[in-house]
Amino acid sequence: MGLAGQNQVRHMYVGQSDATNVTSYDTLVSAGVVNDFVILSKDGSAVAAGKDFKLFQKDALGNIISSDTIKAGNVLDVRSVAYQAAANKAVTISALTVDVNTVYSVKIEIQGHGSLSQEDTYLKQASYKAVAGNDQESIVDGLISSLNANFSREIGANASSNPAFSFAKTGSGATSALVITGKEQGAGFDGNKKTKVYDDFTVDISCQSYPTVAITTAGSKGVGTGYQVVEMEHFLLGERGDAYRQNGYPHNIVGPELVSVAGGSYDIIEVSYYDEGRDEAKKSKKTVTIAQPTAAVPNAEVNSLTADLNTILGAGSVAVIKAS
């Protein structure tokens, strides 16, 4: 017998709003709107201390989707994670020295490109040769022009912009500097095909007098971003009832998506628990991930969910996100 039970799963629910006015299954059916999400006791009544519970959601067709029964005594861990914005990594080349007839060559090495393996790197270069009459700003302008030209060969790029990086000039004259910033991938992001943004890269420059090269913004993937949650929705929500969704390639049926990539932000609640069958000598561990659109303080919708969980599991079992 295998060590892992067939019921070891992780499911996901993407709520558009918490049905704070719904305290029963019947009310969700009659008064709930599309994508309303609520936690109720397993019999469809209001939550109560120590009572087994389920997660219910109303879909676009008016059907009610539910989790399996979560036994209050089998909950192992509950946690809430507040949204944190991502930060795009930025590297600045400053304090340039003008050396006539010198070639300034910028190198950008992208780690994990393509297959995402750390051994799979992609090197992009740009150069500018200083001539008489140039100042630091001339060098920066020349490097930006060369960078844009070289990146224009990438998919989705043009002569002045590309999906991977932005190249900007700060200051003027002797204070001019080049800022290279990684980008998120934009509206064309597909969680099933490309799951990495360009935040893992290094920048260097070759020239006669070495300037200052510094990371001016440390890259951060953030927490609960649209990119992360659309990935989770694709793989975790797609697993449920759609085990063969990739078998018809290239004629796969793409289901509706509730997550917004561009500008999307979500607070997360995760419930870890287990089922233990009557005739089984092992526990089948499960996890439910709830992604709820974030909002200004207080986030009443996600706080309603944490309040329900604290009613069931005991005060303080899960931290309130963005309390007033």
Protein backbone atom coordinates (compact mmCIF):
# COMPACT_ATOMS: atom_id res chain seq x y z
CA MET A 1 0.00 0.00 0.00
CA GLY A 2 1.32 3.47 -0.86
CA LEU A 3 2.23 5.90 1.88
CA ALA A 4 0.11 8.66 0.33
CA GLY A 5 -3.66 8.36 0.18
CA GLN A 6 -5.54 9.19 -2.99
CA ASN A 7 -7.36 11.95 -1.13
CA GLN A 8 -4.21 13.99 -0.53
CA VAL A 9 -5.17 17.09 -2.48
CA ARG A 10 -5.05 20.85 -2.50
CA HIS A 11 -8.07 22.74 -3.74
CA MET A 12 -8.53 26.43 -4.40
CA TYR A 13 -11.38 28.88 -4.28
CA VAL A 14 -11.24 32.36 -5.80
CA GLY A 15 -13.83 34.56 -4.17
CA GLN A 16 -14.99 37.80 -5.72
CA SER A 17 -16.91 38.80 -2.63
CA ASP A 18 -17.66 37.24 0.72
CA ALA A 19 -21.39 36.85 1.16
CA THR A 20 -21.44 38.57 4.56
CA ASN A 21 -25.24 38.63 4.53
CA VAL A 22 -25.52 34.89 3.91
CA THR A 23 -25.85 32.67 6.96
CA SER A 24 -27.39 29.59 5.36
CA TYR A 25 -27.18 27.47 2.24
CA ASP A 26 -30.75 28.36 1.25
CA THR A 27 -29.97 32.07 1.42
CA LEU A 28 -26.90 31.59 -0.78
CA VAL A 29 -29.08 29.83 -3.36
CA SER A 30 -31.83 32.45 -3.31
CA ALA A 31 -29.99 35.72 -2.63
CA GLY A 32 -26.36 35.07 -3.45
CA VAL A 33 -24.78 36.62 -6.53
CA VAL A 34 -22.20 35.17 -8.91
CA ASN A 35 -18.96 34.15 -7.15
CA ASP A 36 -20.32 34.86 -3.67
CA PHE A 37 -18.25 32.83 -1.23
CA VAL A 38 -19.17 31.77 2.28
CA ILE A 39 -18.20 29.37 5.07
CA LEU A 40 -21.11 27.45 6.62
CA SER A 41 -21.62 24.43 8.80
CA LYS A 42 -21.67 21.18 6.83
CA ASP A 43 -25.48 21.04 7.02
CA GLY A 44 -25.77 24.50 5.45
CA SER A 45 -26.55 26.36 8.66
CA ALA A 46 -24.58 29.18 10.26
CA VAL A 47 -21.13 28.39 11.63
CA ALA A 48 -20.79 27.40 15.28
CA ALA A 49 -17.95 26.59 17.66
CA GLY A 50 -16.42 23.17 17.04
CA LYS A 51 -18.88 22.36 14.27
CA ASP A 52 -17.73 20.68 11.04
CA PHE A 53 -17.88 23.06 8.10
CA LYS A 54 -17.75 23.47 4.32
CA LEU A 55 -16.83 26.19 1.86
CA PHE A 56 -19.62 27.17 -0.54
CA GLN A 57 -19.50 29.30 -3.69
CA LYS A 58 -22.12 30.28 -6.26
CA ASP A 59 -20.90 29.99 -9.84
CA ALA A 60 -21.87 31.92 -12.96
CA LEU A 61 -24.66 29.43 -13.77
CA GLY A 62 -26.21 29.65 -10.33
CA ASN A 63 -24.82 26.29 -9.22
CA ILE A 64 -23.41 25.91 -5.71
CA ILE A 65 -19.89 24.49 -5.50
CA SER A 66 -18.70 23.17 -2.17
CA SER A 67 -15.61 21.72 -0.59
CA ASP A 68 -15.74 18.39 1.16
CA THR A 69 -16.59 18.43 4.85
CA ILE A 70 -13.79 19.79 7.01
CA LYS A 71 -13.95 18.35 10.51
CA ALA A 72 -13.11 21.05 13.03
CA GLY A 73 -11.08 18.59 15.11
CA ASN A 74 -8.98 17.60 12.09
CA VAL A 75 -7.76 21.09 11.24
CA LEU A 76 -3.98 21.15 11.52
CA ASP A 77 -3.24 24.76 10.67
CA VAL A 78 -5.01 27.90 9.48
CA ARG A 79 -3.17 30.97 8.33
CA SER A 80 -3.96 34.27 6.70
CA VAL A 81 -1.47 36.04 4.46
CA ALA A 82 -1.93 39.68 3.55
CA TYR A 83 -1.16 40.90 0.05
CA GLN A 84 2.29 42.39 -0.51
CA ALA A 85 3.06 44.21 -3.72
CA ALA A 86 5.86 42.93 -5.91
CA ALA A 87 8.88 45.11 -6.59
CA ASN A 88 10.72 44.99 -9.88
CA LYS A 89 14.49 44.72 -9.56
CA ALA A 90 16.42 47.76 -10.79
CA VAL A 91 20.14 48.22 -11.40
CA THR A 92 21.67 51.68 -11.88
CA ILE A 93 24.91 52.48 -13.70
CA SER A 94 26.14 55.90 -12.61
CA ALA A 95 29.30 57.99 -12.16
CA LEU A 96 30.37 57.34 -15.74
CA THR A 97 33.69 58.72 -16.93
CA VAL A 98 33.92 59.97 -20.51
CA ASP A 99 36.84 58.28 -22.29
CA VAL A 100 36.91 59.19 -25.98
CA ASN A 101 37.18 56.23 -28.40
CA THR A 102 36.26 53.82 -25.59
CA VAL A 103 33.55 51.22 -26.12
CA TYR A 104 31.06 50.99 -23.24
CA SER A 105 29.55 47.50 -23.26
CA VAL A 106 26.62 46.63 -21.00
CA LYS A 107 25.89 42.97 -20.26
CA ILE A 108 22.58 41.67 -18.88
CA GLU A 109 22.62 38.04 -17.77
CA ILE A 110 19.14 36.57 -17.20
CA GLN A 111 19.10 33.49 -14.97
CA GLY A 112 16.53 30.74 -15.36
CA HIS A 113 15.51 31.84 -18.84
CA GLY A 114 13.45 29.46 -20.94
CA SER A 115 13.32 26.18 -19.04
CA LEU A 116 13.67 28.05 -15.71
CA SER A 117 16.75 25.98 -14.83
CA GLN A 118 19.45 27.97 -13.04
CA GLU A 119 21.85 26.57 -15.62
CA ASP A 120 19.79 28.12 -18.41
CA THR A 121 21.03 31.70 -18.76
CA TYR A 122 20.46 34.28 -21.48
CA LEU A 123 23.02 36.99 -22.20
CA LYS A 124 22.02 40.26 -23.83
CA GLN A 125 24.50 43.01 -24.65
CA ALA A 126 24.57 46.60 -25.83
CA SER A 127 27.41 48.98 -26.61
CA TYR A 128 28.27 52.58 -27.38
CA LYS A 129 31.58 54.11 -28.49
CA ALA A 130 32.32 57.56 -27.05
CA VAL A 131 33.42 60.24 -29.47
CA ALA A 132 34.77 63.76 -29.08
CA GLY A 133 32.21 66.13 -27.56
CA ASN A 134 30.31 63.41 -25.68
CA ASP A 135 29.34 63.75 -22.04
CA GLN A 136 27.93 61.18 -19.63
CA GLU A 137 24.42 61.77 -20.93
CA SER A 138 25.54 60.98 -24.48
CA ILE A 139 26.85 57.61 -23.30
CA VAL A 140 23.63 56.82 -21.45
CA ASP A 141 21.53 57.80 -24.48
CA GLY A 142 23.71 55.64 -26.73
CA LEU A 143 23.43 52.62 -24.44
CA ILE A 144 19.66 52.95 -24.17
CA SER A 145 19.39 53.11 -27.95
CA SER A 146 21.57 50.02 -28.33
CA LEU A 147 19.68 48.11 -25.62
CA ASN A 148 16.33 48.87 -27.24
CA ALA A 149 17.67 47.81 -30.63
CA ASN A 150 18.98 44.48 -29.33
CA PHE A 151 15.83 43.70 -27.33
CA SER A 152 13.60 44.65 -30.29
CA ARG A 153 14.34 41.17 -31.66
CA GLU A 154 12.48 39.56 -28.74
CA ILE A 155 8.88 38.36 -29.05
CA GLY A 156 6.44 41.15 -28.26
CA ALA A 157 9.09 43.89 -28.50
CA ASN A 158 9.42 46.90 -30.74
CA ALA A 159 12.05 49.58 -31.33
CA SER A 160 11.36 51.35 -28.03
CA SER A 161 9.99 48.78 -25.57
CA ASN A 162 10.00 45.08 -24.76
CA PRO A 163 8.28 42.72 -22.31
CA ALA A 164 11.40 41.99 -20.25
CA PHE A 165 13.09 45.27 -19.26
CA SER A 166 12.75 49.01 -19.27
CA PHE A 167 15.75 51.29 -19.85
CA ALA A 168 15.60 54.79 -18.41
CA LYS A 169 17.84 57.80 -17.99
CA THR A 170 18.03 59.79 -14.78
CA GLY A 171 19.71 63.13 -14.31
CA SER A 172 21.41 65.05 -17.10
CA GLY A 173 24.90 65.94 -18.22
CA ALA A 174 27.55 64.80 -15.76
CA THR A 175 24.92 63.33 -13.37
CA SER A 176 23.24 61.20 -16.01
CA ALA A 177 22.75 57.53 -15.10
CA LEU A 178 21.27 54.43 -16.76
CA VAL A 179 18.57 52.49 -14.90
CA ILE A 180 17.75 48.94 -16.04
CA THR A 181 14.53 47.60 -14.51
CA GLY A 182 13.00 44.13 -14.85
CA LYS A 183 9.35 44.00 -15.85
CA GLU A 184 6.40 41.84 -15.02
CA GLN A 185 5.15 40.09 -18.11
CA GLY A 186 1.97 42.01 -18.70
CA ALA A 187 -1.50 40.97 -19.79
CA GLY A 188 -0.17 38.18 -22.03
CA PHE A 189 1.03 36.18 -19.04
CA ASP A 190 -0.06 32.52 -19.23
CA GLY A 191 0.32 30.53 -16.03
CA ASN A 192 0.43 27.29 -18.02
CA LYS A 193 3.28 28.36 -20.31
CA LYS A 194 5.49 31.01 -18.77
CA THR A 195 5.49 31.34 -15.02
CA LYS A 196 8.52 33.52 -14.37
CA VAL A 197 9.05 37.25 -14.46
CA TYR A 198 12.46 38.74 -15.16
CA ASP A 199 13.54 39.49 -11.60
CA ASP A 200 16.59 37.22 -11.54
CA PHE A 201 19.28 38.99 -13.53
CA THR A 202 22.64 40.67 -13.17
CA VAL A 203 24.07 43.73 -14.90
CA ASP A 204 27.68 44.64 -15.58
CA ILE A 205 29.58 47.04 -17.84
CA SER A 206 32.95 46.93 -19.54
CA CYS A 207 34.80 50.21 -20.20
CA GLN A 208 38.11 51.93 -19.53
CA SER A 209 37.09 53.63 -16.28
CA TYR A 210 34.69 51.44 -14.30
CA PRO A 211 31.60 53.35 -13.08
CA THR A 212 29.27 52.61 -10.16
CA VAL A 213 26.98 49.62 -10.75
CA ALA A 214 24.47 49.11 -7.95
CA ILE A 215 21.17 47.38 -7.28
CA THR A 216 18.91 50.32 -6.48
CA THR A 217 15.73 48.26 -6.00
CA ALA A 218 15.88 44.71 -4.74
CA GLY A 219 13.49 42.48 -6.65
CA SER A 220 10.59 40.96 -4.74
CA LYS A 221 7.92 38.58 -6.06
CA GLY A 222 5.44 39.88 -3.51
CA VAL A 223 2.62 37.84 -1.98
CA GLY A 224 -0.83 37.34 -3.47
CA THR A 225 -0.06 39.08 -6.77
CA GLY A 226 -2.20 38.48 -9.84
CA TYR A 227 0.65 36.52 -11.42
CA GLN A 228 0.94 34.14 -8.49
CA VAL A 229 -2.78 33.63 -8.01
CA VAL A 230 -3.52 33.07 -11.71
CA GLU A 231 -0.89 30.32 -11.63
CA MET A 232 -2.51 28.78 -8.56
CA GLU A 233 -5.94 29.06 -10.14
CA HIS A 234 -4.76 27.28 -13.28
CA PHE A 235 -3.13 24.34 -11.53
CA LEU A 236 -5.13 23.99 -8.32
CA LEU A 237 -8.62 24.99 -9.42
CA GLY A 238 -8.08 23.26 -12.75
CA GLU A 239 -7.28 19.99 -10.98
CA ARG A 240 -10.74 19.75 -9.54
CA GLY A 241 -13.10 17.88 -11.85
CA ASP A 242 -10.89 18.53 -14.85
CA ALA A 243 -8.16 15.91 -14.67
CA TYR A 244 -8.09 15.46 -18.46
CA ARG A 245 -8.11 19.13 -19.45
CA GLN A 246 -4.75 18.88 -21.26
CA ASN A 247 -5.46 15.65 -23.14
CA GLY A 248 -6.95 17.36 -26.20
CA TYR A 249 -3.86 19.45 -27.01
CA PRO A 250 -3.72 21.61 -29.07
CA HIS A 251 -7.52 21.82 -28.84
CA ASN A 252 -7.66 22.21 -25.08
CA ILE A 253 -10.74 23.85 -23.64
CA VAL A 254 -9.75 26.82 -21.51
CA GLY A 255 -12.18 27.40 -18.68
CA PRO A 256 -13.24 30.76 -17.25
CA GLU A 257 -10.73 32.49 -15.01
CA LEU A 258 -11.67 34.61 -12.03
CA VAL A 259 -8.21 35.99 -11.34
CA SER A 260 -7.05 39.29 -12.79
CA VAL A 261 -3.37 39.30 -13.75
CA ALA A 262 -2.91 42.96 -14.54
CA GLY A 263 -3.10 44.79 -11.24
CA GLY A 264 -4.63 41.83 -9.43
CA SER A 265 -4.03 41.63 -5.67
CA TYR A 266 -5.31 39.02 -3.26
CA ASP A 267 -5.30 38.21 0.43
CA ILE A 268 -4.87 34.50 1.08
CA ILE A 269 -6.33 32.13 3.66
CA GLU A 270 -5.11 28.55 3.84
CA VAL A 271 -6.70 25.73 5.82
CA SER A 272 -4.69 22.54 6.31
CA TYR A 273 -6.54 19.51 7.63
CA TYR A 274 -6.78 15.76 7.23
CA ASP A 275 -9.30 13.01 6.62
CA GLU A 276 -8.99 9.64 8.31
CA GLY A 277 -11.00 6.83 6.81
CA ARG A 278 -12.68 4.25 9.00
CA ASP A 279 -10.61 1.40 7.59
CA GLU A 280 -7.40 3.37 6.97
CA ALA A 281 -4.31 3.35 9.15
CA LYS A 282 -3.16 6.72 7.88
CA LYS A 283 -4.22 10.34 7.62
CA SER A 284 -4.87 11.90 4.19
CA LYS A 285 -3.72 15.49 4.40
CA LYS A 286 -5.53 18.20 2.46
CA THR A 287 -5.29 21.93 1.97
CA VAL A 288 -7.81 24.53 0.88
CA THR A 289 -6.50 27.84 -0.45
CA ILE A 290 -8.86 30.82 -0.52
CA ALA A 291 -7.85 33.85 -2.58
CA GLN A 292 -9.92 36.94 -1.84
CA PRO A 293 -9.43 40.28 -3.64
CA THR A 294 -7.61 42.65 -1.33
CA ALA A 295 -9.10 45.95 -0.30
CA ALA A 296 -8.29 48.99 1.79
CA VAL A 297 -8.16 48.66 5.56
CA PRO A 298 -10.29 47.10 6.86
CA ASN A 299 -10.88 44.33 4.32
CA ALA A 300 -14.37 43.43 5.51
CA GLU A 301 -14.83 40.56 3.08
CA VAL A 302 -11.73 38.58 4.00
CA ASN A 303 -12.12 39.52 7.68
CA SER A 304 -15.60 37.99 7.61
CA LEU A 305 -14.01 34.68 6.59
CA THR A 306 -11.39 34.84 9.36
CA ALA A 307 -14.17 35.65 11.84
CA ASP A 308 -16.10 32.55 10.78
CA LEU A 309 -12.99 30.39 11.13
CA ASN A 310 -12.27 31.82 14.57
CA THR A 311 -15.87 31.06 15.58
CA ILE A 312 -15.44 27.45 14.51
CA LEU A 313 -11.90 26.83 15.69
CA GLY A 314 -11.61 29.21 18.62
CA ALA A 315 -10.66 32.85 19.05
CA GLY A 316 -7.23 33.73 17.67
CA SER A 317 -6.94 30.61 15.53
CA VAL A 318 -6.32 32.72 12.42
CA ALA A 319 -5.03 36.28 12.29
CA VAL A 320 -7.32 39.01 11.01
CA ILE A 321 -6.04 40.61 7.81
CA LYS A 322 -6.11 44.40 7.66
CA ALA A 323 -8.15 44.97 10.76
CA SER A 324 -9.63 48.41 11.31
